[in-house]
Amino acid sequence: MKADFRATAEKVAAKFGCDVKCLNKCGEQNDGNCFERCHCGQGVITVKETFVNTYGIVKREYGDIQNLSESEVETVNEAIQRF
């Protein structure tokens, strides 16, 4: 039963991108930081930057850009600078 558990744990750890040998050694020591220390999660979740259509957002929120008041233009510029 212990061998089956270890084999299953190794498969799951590998799917989570863990260094399986590290996780086995760390887990035997009952260390609660094993998941992070053994690089688990790498490659499982990726974050990609996406293109932001600033013009489209401004048009949707404020309408036609040419019709904005001076204060609305300032508000939009401040928002873009913060972004």
Protein backbone atom coordinates (compact mmCIF):
# COMPACT_ATOMS: atom_id res chain seq x y z
CA MET A 1 0.00 0.00 0.00
CA LYS A 2 2.87 2.37 0.81
CA ALA A 3 4.47 1.66 -2.58
CA ASP A 4 1.18 2.39 -4.39
CA PHE A 5 0.77 5.63 -2.48
CA ARG A 6 4.34 6.72 -3.28
CA ALA A 7 3.92 5.85 -6.98
CA THR A 8 0.67 7.82 -7.18
CA ALA A 9 2.19 10.75 -5.28
CA GLU A 10 5.13 10.80 -7.69
CA LYS A 11 2.80 10.88 -10.71
CA VAL A 12 0.80 13.76 -9.25
CA ALA A 13 3.97 15.61 -8.23
CA ALA A 14 5.37 15.26 -11.75
CA LYS A 15 2.14 16.67 -13.22
CA PHE A 16 2.50 19.67 -10.91
CA GLY A 17 6.04 20.25 -12.17
CA CYS A 18 7.69 19.21 -8.90
CA ASP A 19 11.21 17.93 -8.58
CA VAL A 20 10.03 14.45 -7.56
CA LYS A 21 13.29 13.39 -5.87
CA CYS A 22 13.33 16.61 -3.86
CA LEU A 23 9.70 16.13 -2.87
CA ASN A 24 10.31 12.54 -1.73
CA LYS A 25 13.27 13.56 0.42
CA CYS A 26 11.56 16.65 1.77
CA GLY A 27 8.30 14.83 2.47
CA GLU A 28 10.08 12.19 4.53
CA GLN A 29 11.21 15.00 6.84
CA ASN A 30 7.61 16.24 7.32
CA ASP A 31 8.61 19.70 6.12
CA GLY A 32 5.63 21.90 5.32
CA ASN A 33 7.57 23.98 2.76
CA CYS A 34 8.22 21.08 0.37
CA PHE A 35 5.79 22.23 -2.31
CA GLU A 36 7.56 25.55 -2.75
CA ARG A 37 11.09 24.29 -2.12
CA CYS A 38 10.77 21.54 -4.74
CA HIS A 39 9.53 23.95 -7.42
CA CYS A 40 6.04 22.51 -7.57
CA GLY A 41 3.67 24.40 -9.81
CA GLN A 42 6.25 25.49 -12.36
CA GLY A 43 4.80 25.14 -15.83
CA VAL A 44 1.35 24.29 -14.51
CA ILE A 45 0.08 27.85 -14.56
CA THR A 46 1.33 30.41 -17.02
CA VAL A 47 0.55 34.10 -17.17
CA LYS A 48 0.78 35.85 -20.50
CA GLU A 49 0.58 39.55 -21.13
CA THR A 50 -2.18 40.44 -23.52
CA PHE A 51 -2.66 43.32 -25.91
CA VAL A 52 -4.87 46.04 -24.47
CA ASN A 53 -6.94 48.08 -26.89
CA THR A 54 -6.78 51.38 -25.00
CA TYR A 55 -8.66 53.24 -27.71
CA GLY A 56 -11.49 50.68 -27.59
CA ILE A 57 -11.74 50.92 -23.80
CA VAL A 58 -11.84 54.72 -23.86
CA LYS A 59 -14.44 54.71 -26.62
CA ARG A 60 -16.60 52.20 -24.75
CA GLU A 61 -16.41 54.11 -21.45
CA TYR A 62 -16.49 57.72 -22.69
CA GLY A 63 -17.82 57.61 -26.24
CA ASP A 64 -16.15 59.25 -29.24
CA ILE A 65 -12.75 60.55 -28.16
CA GLN A 66 -13.12 63.73 -30.22
CA ASN A 67 -16.14 64.72 -28.15
CA LEU A 68 -14.45 64.47 -24.74
CA SER A 69 -14.23 67.49 -22.49
CA GLU A 70 -10.86 68.70 -21.25
CA SER A 71 -11.44 67.17 -17.80
CA GLU A 72 -12.40 63.82 -19.37
CA VAL A 73 -9.21 63.86 -21.45
CA GLU A 74 -7.21 64.51 -18.27
CA THR A 75 -8.98 61.64 -16.51
CA VAL A 76 -8.23 59.27 -19.40
CA ASN A 77 -4.58 60.36 -19.54
CA GLU A 78 -4.16 59.84 -15.80
CA ALA A 79 -5.71 56.38 -16.03
CA ILE A 80 -3.41 55.40 -18.91
CA GLN A 81 -0.35 56.62 -17.02
CA ARG A 82 -1.30 54.54 -13.97
CA PHE A 83 -1.86 51.52 -16.17
